């Protein structure tokens, strides 16, 4: 059980080479056994920089190699179903990037394949494995299940306050500040891959987070979008819970990207850029919790950590990037979004030592909500979940 698991990474593009490949290579729980891609340049980097033991252009050869024990899929979403089907045929666990597929038909077929085979399966909704998101989620769900009265709350009605429908029911607001100049433009223009746009390939992160925090069945979705650049989504859940998601791609990476604000039972839990968690109205939990950054080149700047610390570190990095003429130096002190933890937790799942990290059913639900949002935006109407 303690022997590292041999992984084959299929699809070695930017995300894989920035996250999955180095994470698998560094972890004591995994071995970077095989890398598979059509690009000679990408394969050479996997071998020479990250130490892949084998490289190939044939995904079936990688899947069927008897030494390979698990598969990490980071291809475009149009190519994931045949790889998952091949892995299921030889009963090998699969970690698959999100979204599962480019169509509802594909994701439902993937669900059938995974459930019929019984293979351990994990979808790359990596924020479920971010330390800040896990702690924020645990605090919020614990409070929703067992709320503790707050002694300082001003309660004007007291015992005479009426019980109204919806009292205590949770809601969540998600704000995304994105910087589209960083996107791969040619990838965006490929309609075969990008037909649905960021309402699918990016929105599924946030529909999954809303589902996770609300912990109930989504019922209907309303949405407005303007091309790649602005999206507003409202999700209503079975007990009347509401989630809102605002994505703006005309922002800047000089400012924190993600803000999650969850409210319910007279309390607030805020996860800010996965750098800090703030709480209010919950007895016995810290008002502010901060988390370590990744790749911090400026440890002596922003020592207070959290959002204010990150902003100070980011300003220092941007000044350094401008002075040296290297824009990549602007990336420093990144929040821990859970990529490496997700792989390690999936290994625990494979070994039976940990829970399911993000199963196929959870991912299908998040993707269905995204497709409902796409349909709602295009049809200019509210879409019931049974329509997708």
Protein backbone atom coordinates (compact mmCIF):
# COMPACT_ATOMS: atom_id res chain seq x y z
CA UNK A 1 0.00 0.00 0.00
CA UNK A 2 2.94 2.36 0.55
CA UNK A 3 4.54 1.69 -2.86
CA UNK A 4 4.23 4.72 -5.17
CA UNK A 5 1.68 4.37 -7.98
CA UNK A 6 2.89 4.57 -11.58
CA UNK A 7 0.94 7.25 -13.48
CA UNK A 8 0.63 7.83 -17.20
CA UNK A 9 -0.25 11.42 -18.11
CA UNK A 10 -2.13 11.64 -21.39
CA UNK A 11 -2.22 15.14 -22.83
CA UNK A 12 0.88 17.17 -21.94
CA UNK A 13 -0.18 20.72 -22.73
CA UNK A 14 0.28 23.84 -20.63
CA UNK A 15 -1.91 22.76 -17.69
CA UNK A 16 -0.35 19.31 -17.46
CA UNK A 17 3.22 20.64 -17.65
CA UNK A 18 2.47 23.39 -15.12
CA UNK A 19 0.59 21.21 -12.63
CA UNK A 20 -0.05 17.49 -13.04
CA UNK A 21 3.32 16.40 -14.45
CA UNK A 22 5.56 18.19 -11.90
CA UNK A 23 3.14 17.33 -9.08
CA UNK A 24 3.20 13.63 -9.96
CA UNK A 25 6.99 13.74 -10.39
CA UNK A 26 7.50 15.35 -6.94
CA UNK A 27 5.03 13.37 -4.87
CA UNK A 28 6.31 10.41 -2.81
CA UNK A 29 2.97 8.73 -3.54
CA UNK A 30 3.37 8.70 -7.34
CA UNK A 31 5.83 7.98 -10.14
CA UNK A 32 5.79 9.82 -13.47
CA UNK A 33 5.99 6.63 -15.50
CA UNK A 34 4.72 7.67 -18.95
CA UNK A 35 3.85 10.89 -20.75
CA UNK A 36 1.74 10.78 -23.90
CA UNK A 37 1.25 13.61 -26.38
CA UNK A 38 1.49 14.31 -30.11
CA UNK A 39 4.04 17.11 -29.58
CA UNK A 40 7.71 16.12 -29.73
CA UNK A 41 8.60 19.33 -27.88
CA UNK A 42 6.18 18.60 -25.03
CA UNK A 43 7.39 15.00 -24.72
CA UNK A 44 11.02 16.11 -24.65
CA UNK A 45 10.25 18.50 -21.79
CA UNK A 46 8.43 15.75 -19.90
CA UNK A 47 11.43 13.46 -20.21
CA UNK A 48 14.29 15.94 -19.79
CA UNK A 49 12.83 18.39 -17.27
CA UNK A 50 10.39 16.28 -15.29
CA UNK A 51 12.01 12.85 -15.52
CA UNK A 52 9.26 10.84 -17.24
CA UNK A 53 10.48 7.24 -17.53
CA UNK A 54 8.73 6.71 -20.86
CA UNK A 55 7.20 8.86 -23.60
CA UNK A 56 4.78 7.88 -26.35
CA UNK A 57 2.33 9.30 -28.88
CA UNK A 58 -0.06 6.34 -28.56
CA UNK A 59 -2.52 6.67 -25.68
CA UNK A 60 -3.58 3.03 -25.98
CA UNK A 61 0.02 1.92 -25.51
CA UNK A 62 0.22 4.06 -22.37
CA UNK A 63 -3.08 2.77 -20.98
CA UNK A 64 -2.29 -0.89 -21.72
CA UNK A 65 1.28 -0.82 -20.40
CA UNK A 66 1.21 -3.36 -17.52
CA UNK A 67 3.55 -1.15 -15.48
CA UNK A 68 1.13 1.80 -15.62
CA UNK A 69 -1.25 1.65 -12.66
CA UNK A 70 -3.27 4.85 -13.04
CA UNK A 71 -4.11 7.39 -15.74
CA UNK A 72 -4.17 11.19 -15.61
CA UNK A 73 -6.10 12.68 -18.54
CA UNK A 74 -5.35 16.30 -19.46
CA UNK A 75 -6.33 16.30 -23.15
CA UNK A 76 -8.94 18.59 -24.67
CA UNK A 77 -12.39 17.60 -23.46
CA UNK A 78 -13.30 16.31 -26.93
CA UNK A 79 -10.79 13.45 -26.51
CA UNK A 80 -11.54 12.19 -23.01
CA UNK A 81 -14.25 9.59 -23.58
CA UNK A 82 -12.15 7.13 -25.65
CA UNK A 83 -9.29 7.28 -23.13
CA UNK A 84 -11.63 6.70 -20.17
CA UNK A 85 -13.25 3.81 -22.03
CA UNK A 86 -9.82 2.26 -22.73
CA UNK A 87 -8.78 2.64 -19.08
CA UNK A 88 -12.05 1.12 -17.87
CA UNK A 89 -11.50 -1.91 -20.11
CA UNK A 90 -8.28 -2.71 -18.21
CA UNK A 91 -9.68 -1.56 -14.83
CA UNK A 92 -7.21 1.28 -14.22
CA UNK A 93 -8.05 4.28 -12.02
CA UNK A 94 -8.52 7.60 -13.82
CA UNK A 95 -7.94 11.20 -12.80
CA UNK A 96 -9.62 13.32 -15.50
CA UNK A 97 -9.42 17.06 -15.98
CA UNK A 98 -12.68 18.96 -16.08
CA UNK A 99 -15.00 19.37 -17.89
CA UNK A 100 -15.63 15.69 -18.53
CA UNK A 101 -16.71 16.25 -22.12
CA UNK A 102 -17.84 18.72 -24.73
CA UNK A 103 -21.44 17.49 -24.83
CA UNK A 104 -24.06 16.13 -22.48
CA UNK A 105 -24.05 12.88 -24.45
CA UNK A 106 -20.33 12.43 -23.80
CA UNK A 107 -20.52 13.13 -20.08
CA UNK A 108 -23.49 10.77 -19.61
CA UNK A 109 -21.62 8.05 -21.50
CA UNK A 110 -18.55 8.61 -19.33
CA UNK A 111 -20.77 8.24 -16.29
CA UNK A 112 -22.11 4.92 -17.59
CA UNK A 113 -18.61 3.63 -18.39
CA UNK A 114 -17.19 4.59 -14.99
CA UNK A 115 -20.09 3.16 -13.01
CA UNK A 116 -20.19 -0.09 -15.02
CA UNK A 117 -16.45 -0.68 -14.59
CA UNK A 118 -16.26 0.37 -10.93
CA UNK A 119 -12.82 1.97 -11.42
CA UNK A 120 -11.67 4.62 -8.94
CA UNK A 121 -12.36 7.91 -10.67
CA UNK A 122 -11.61 11.53 -9.86
CA UNK A 123 -12.46 14.70 -11.79
CA UNK A 124 -10.13 17.68 -11.64
CA UNK A 125 -12.37 20.07 -9.75
CA UNK A 126 -9.19 20.82 -7.85
CA UNK A 127 -10.65 23.54 -5.64
CA UNK A 128 -12.29 20.77 -3.59
CA UNK A 129 -8.72 19.92 -2.53
CA UNK A 130 -7.52 23.45 -1.80
CA UNK A 131 -6.70 23.74 1.95
CA UNK A 132 -8.58 27.05 2.19
CA UNK A 133 -11.64 25.74 0.35
CA UNK A 134 -11.75 22.55 2.43
CA UNK A 135 -11.59 24.48 5.70
CA UNK A 136 -14.09 27.11 4.56
CA UNK A 137 -16.48 24.40 3.37
CA UNK A 138 -16.14 22.40 6.59
CA UNK A 139 -16.80 25.45 8.77
CA UNK A 140 -19.84 26.45 6.70
CA UNK A 141 -21.44 23.00 6.45
CA UNK A 142 -20.85 22.37 10.16
CA UNK A 143 -22.61 25.63 10.98
CA UNK A 144 -25.50 24.82 8.64
CA UNK A 145 -26.00 21.45 10.35
CA UNK A 146 -25.46 22.67 13.91
CA UNK A 147 -25.82 26.45 14.21
CA UNK A 148 -24.71 27.99 17.49
CA UNK A 149 -26.50 31.15 18.68
CA UNK A 150 -24.30 34.22 18.51
CA UNK A 151 -24.42 36.06 21.90
CA UNK A 152 -23.80 39.53 20.45
CA UNK A 153 -26.44 39.40 17.70
CA UNK A 154 -29.07 42.16 17.83
CA UNK A 155 -32.39 40.28 17.65
CA UNK A 156 -35.09 42.92 17.52
CA UNK A 157 -38.04 40.51 17.51
CA UNK A 158 -36.69 38.02 20.01
CA UNK A 159 -39.18 35.29 20.84
CA UNK A 160 -41.87 37.17 18.92
CA UNK A 161 -39.92 37.16 15.67
CA UNK A 162 -42.02 35.20 13.13
CA UNK A 163 -40.66 32.14 11.38
CA UNK A 164 -40.66 33.02 7.69
CA UNK A 165 -40.14 30.68 4.78
CA UNK A 166 -36.45 30.60 3.89
CA UNK A 167 -35.24 31.59 7.36
CA UNK A 168 -31.66 30.31 7.73
CA UNK A 169 -31.49 28.87 4.19
CA UNK A 170 -27.96 29.28 2.75
CA UNK A 171 -26.79 31.18 -0.30
CA UNK A 172 -23.45 31.76 -1.96
CA UNK A 173 -21.95 34.46 -4.17
CA UNK A 174 -18.94 33.71 -6.39
CA UNK A 175 -16.95 36.49 -8.10
CA UNK A 176 -14.28 35.67 -10.69
CA UNK A 177 -11.78 38.29 -11.89
CA UNK A 178 -10.02 36.79 -14.92
CA UNK A 179 -7.40 38.16 -17.31
CA UNK A 180 -8.12 36.92 -20.82
CA UNK A 181 -4.80 38.21 -22.17
CA UNK A 182 -3.27 35.15 -20.48
CA UNK A 183 -5.46 32.70 -22.44
CA UNK A 184 -4.27 30.59 -25.35
CA UNK A 185 -5.89 32.52 -28.21
CA UNK A 186 -5.64 29.82 -30.90
CA UNK A 187 -7.21 27.33 -28.51
CA UNK A 188 -10.12 29.75 -27.94
CA UNK A 189 -10.75 30.06 -31.67
CA UNK A 190 -11.03 26.32 -32.27
CA UNK A 191 -14.82 25.93 -32.48
CA UNK A 192 -14.62 22.13 -32.44
CA UNK A 193 -13.11 22.33 -28.96
CA UNK A 194 -14.40 25.67 -27.68
CA UNK A 195 -17.98 25.56 -29.00
CA UNK A 196 -19.45 26.25 -25.55
CA UNK A 197 -16.83 28.80 -24.47
CA UNK A 198 -15.83 29.57 -20.86
CA UNK A 199 -19.41 28.94 -19.71
CA UNK A 200 -18.36 25.28 -19.94
CA UNK A 201 -14.60 24.93 -19.54
CA UNK A 202 -14.24 27.52 -16.75
CA UNK A 203 -17.73 27.81 -15.25
CA UNK A 204 -17.78 24.15 -14.16
CA UNK A 205 -15.23 24.96 -11.44
CA UNK A 206 -17.67 27.39 -9.90
CA UNK A 207 -20.90 25.49 -10.43
CA UNK A 208 -19.15 22.61 -8.64
CA UNK A 209 -18.19 24.88 -5.73
CA UNK A 210 -21.76 26.18 -5.45
CA UNK A 211 -23.15 22.63 -5.44
CA UNK A 212 -20.57 21.60 -2.83
CA UNK A 213 -21.28 24.47 -0.44
CA UNK A 214 -25.07 24.44 -0.87
CA UNK A 215 -25.27 20.63 -0.66
CA UNK A 216 -28.67 20.29 -2.31
CA UNK A 217 -30.14 19.53 -5.71
CA UNK A 218 -30.08 22.38 -8.28
CA UNK A 219 -33.52 23.06 -9.74
CA UNK A 220 -33.26 25.91 -12.27
CA UNK A 221 -30.70 28.26 -13.78
CA UNK A 222 -30.84 31.76 -15.26
CA UNK A 223 -27.91 33.36 -17.09
CA UNK A 224 -26.70 36.27 -19.20
CA UNK A 225 -23.41 36.36 -21.10
CA UNK A 226 -21.49 38.60 -23.49
CA UNK A 227 -19.10 36.49 -25.54
CA UNK A 228 -16.02 35.34 -23.69
CA UNK A 229 -15.90 38.33 -21.40
CA UNK A 230 -18.89 38.55 -19.06
CA UNK A 231 -21.16 35.90 -17.56
CA UNK A 232 -23.76 36.15 -14.82
CA UNK A 233 -25.44 32.98 -13.53
CA UNK A 234 -28.11 32.42 -10.88
CA UNK A 235 -28.86 28.90 -9.62
CA UNK A 236 -31.86 27.99 -7.49
CA UNK A 237 -31.73 24.84 -5.40
CA UNK A 238 -34.41 22.52 -4.04
CA UNK A 239 -34.93 24.23 -0.66
CA UNK A 240 -34.80 27.74 -2.11
CA UNK A 241 -31.03 28.23 -1.77
CA UNK A 242 -29.58 30.69 -4.28
CA UNK A 243 -26.10 30.78 -5.83
CA UNK A 244 -24.79 33.58 -8.02
CA UNK A 245 -21.67 33.47 -10.20
CA UNK A 246 -20.16 36.51 -11.90
CA UNK A 247 -17.24 35.94 -14.26
CA UNK A 248 -15.40 38.87 -15.86
CA UNK A 249 -12.49 38.12 -18.20
CA UNK A 250 -11.58 41.80 -18.62
CA UNK A 251 -9.90 41.93 -15.23
CA UNK A 252 -6.30 41.57 -14.12
CA UNK A 253 -4.11 39.00 -12.41
CA UNK A 254 -2.71 41.91 -10.42
CA UNK A 255 -5.78 41.48 -8.18
CA UNK A 256 -7.12 38.35 -6.43
CA UNK A 257 -9.01 36.11 -8.85
CA UNK A 258 -11.66 34.28 -6.80
CA UNK A 259 -13.98 35.36 -3.98
CA UNK A 260 -16.53 32.98 -2.42
CA UNK A 261 -19.03 34.40 0.11
CA UNK A 262 -21.35 31.84 1.75
CA UNK A 263 -24.15 32.92 4.08
CA UNK A 264 -26.70 30.99 6.14
CA UNK A 265 -28.11 30.53 9.63
CA UNK A 266 -27.00 34.03 10.59
CA UNK A 267 -23.35 33.53 9.61
CA UNK A 268 -20.83 34.28 6.88
CA UNK A 269 -17.88 32.24 5.62
CA UNK A 270 -15.69 33.95 3.01
CA UNK A 271 -12.90 32.26 1.05
CA UNK A 272 -10.80 34.99 -0.58
CA UNK A 273 -8.43 33.89 -3.37
CA UNK A 274 -7.74 30.71 -1.38
CA UNK A 275 -5.30 32.89 0.58
CA UNK A 276 -7.54 33.43 3.59
CA UNK A 277 -10.85 32.40 5.14
CA UNK A 278 -12.88 34.98 7.07
CA UNK A 279 -15.86 34.15 9.28
CA UNK A 280 -18.52 36.08 11.16
CA UNK A 281 -21.46 35.05 13.32
CA UNK A 282 -20.05 31.61 14.16
CA UNK A 283 -18.99 30.95 17.72
CA UNK A 284 -15.74 29.09 18.37
CA UNK A 285 -14.03 29.54 14.99
CA UNK A 286 -11.28 32.04 14.05
CA UNK A 287 -12.32 35.29 12.40
CA UNK A 288 -9.42 34.98 9.93
CA UNK A 289 -7.30 32.03 8.81
CA UNK A 290 -4.41 32.38 6.35
CA UNK A 291 -2.74 29.75 4.16
CA UNK A 292 0.76 29.29 2.72
CA UNK A 293 1.46 30.43 -0.83
CA UNK A 294 3.16 28.42 -3.56
CA UNK A 295 6.39 29.55 -5.25
CA UNK A 296 6.84 32.66 -3.09
CA UNK A 297 9.91 34.52 -4.36
CA UNK A 298 9.34 37.42 -1.93
CA UNK A 299 9.09 35.82 1.54
CA UNK A 300 10.17 39.03 3.25
CA UNK A 301 7.32 41.03 1.70
CA UNK A 302 3.74 40.79 2.97
CA UNK A 303 4.66 38.74 6.01
CA UNK A 304 1.14 39.17 7.41
CA UNK A 305 0.02 36.71 4.71
CA UNK A 306 -3.62 36.52 3.62
CA UNK A 307 -4.99 38.95 1.05
CA UNK A 308 -3.01 41.99 2.20
CA UNK A 309 0.19 39.92 2.18
CA UNK A 310 -0.58 38.56 -1.28
CA UNK A 311 -1.22 42.04 -2.67
CA UNK A 312 2.14 43.25 -1.33
CA UNK A 313 3.94 40.23 -2.80
CA UNK A 314 2.15 40.70 -6.13
CA UNK A 315 3.16 44.36 -6.33
CA UNK A 316 6.78 43.40 -5.68
CA UNK A 317 6.62 40.70 -8.37
CA UNK A 318 5.04 43.03 -10.94
CA UNK A 319 7.70 45.67 -10.28
CA UNK A 320 10.39 43.02 -10.69
CA UNK A 321 8.82 41.77 -13.94
CA UNK A 322 8.69 45.28 -15.39
CA UNK A 323 12.27 46.08 -14.36
CA UNK A 324 13.68 42.88 -15.84
CA UNK A 325 11.45 42.76 -18.93
CA UNK A 326 10.15 39.28 -18.04
CA UNK A 327 6.37 39.19 -17.63
CA UNK A 328 6.42 35.66 -16.19
CA UNK A 329 8.13 37.05 -13.08
CA UNK A 330 4.78 38.63 -12.19
CA UNK A 331 3.57 35.19 -11.14
CA UNK A 332 4.61 34.56 -7.57
CA UNK A 333 3.07 33.57 -4.25
CA UNK A 334 0.25 31.73 -6.00
CA UNK A 335 -2.69 30.55 -3.88
CA UNK A 336 -2.86 26.80 -3.31
CA UNK A 337 -5.74 25.76 -5.59
CA UNK A 338 -5.36 22.11 -4.63
CA UNK A 339 -3.86 20.55 -7.78
CA UNK A 340 -1.13 18.57 -6.00
CA UNK A 341 -3.40 17.69 -3.07
CA UNK A 342 -6.03 16.35 -5.48
CA UNK A 343 -3.60 13.82 -6.98
CA UNK A 344 -2.36 12.73 -3.56
CA UNK A 345 -5.89 12.43 -2.20
CA UNK A 346 -6.85 10.39 -5.25
CA UNK A 347 -4.01 7.97 -4.47
CA UNK A 348 -5.49 7.60 -0.98
CA UNK A 349 -8.87 6.94 -2.59
CA UNK A 350 -7.36 4.27 -4.86
CA UNK A 351 -5.75 2.58 -1.85
CA UNK A 352 -8.97 2.70 0.16
CA UNK A 353 -7.36 5.07 2.66
CA UNK A 354 -9.44 8.14 1.89
CA UNK A 355 -12.85 9.25 0.63
CA UNK A 356 -13.88 9.88 -2.97
CA UNK A 357 -12.28 13.20 -3.87
CA UNK A 358 -14.63 14.32 -6.64
CA UNK A 359 -16.63 11.51 -8.19
CA UNK A 360 -18.25 11.24 -11.59
CA UNK A 361 -21.75 12.01 -10.26
CA UNK A 362 -20.63 15.29 -8.66
CA UNK A 363 -18.87 16.29 -11.86
CA UNK A 364 -21.84 15.41 -14.07
CA UNK A 365 -24.06 17.55 -11.86
CA UNK A 366 -21.69 20.53 -12.05
CA UNK A 367 -21.43 20.14 -15.82
CA UNK A 368 -25.23 19.87 -16.19
CA UNK A 369 -25.59 23.18 -14.33
CA UNK A 370 -23.05 24.74 -16.72
CA UNK A 371 -24.98 23.43 -19.74
CA UNK A 372 -28.20 24.77 -18.22
CA UNK A 373 -26.50 28.18 -17.89
CA UNK A 374 -25.37 28.02 -21.53
CA UNK A 375 -28.91 27.18 -22.64
CA UNK A 376 -30.41 29.90 -20.45
CA UNK A 377 -28.05 32.57 -21.81
CA UNK A 378 -28.69 31.62 -25.43
CA UNK A 379 -32.46 31.25 -25.04
CA UNK A 380 -32.83 34.34 -22.81
CA UNK A 381 -34.94 32.46 -20.29
CA UNK A 382 -34.74 30.43 -17.09
CA UNK A 383 -33.92 26.76 -17.73
CA UNK A 384 -35.17 23.91 -15.55
CA UNK A 385 -32.57 21.30 -14.73
CA UNK A 386 -34.71 18.51 -16.19
CA UNK A 387 -34.20 20.18 -19.59
CA UNK A 388 -30.56 19.11 -19.50
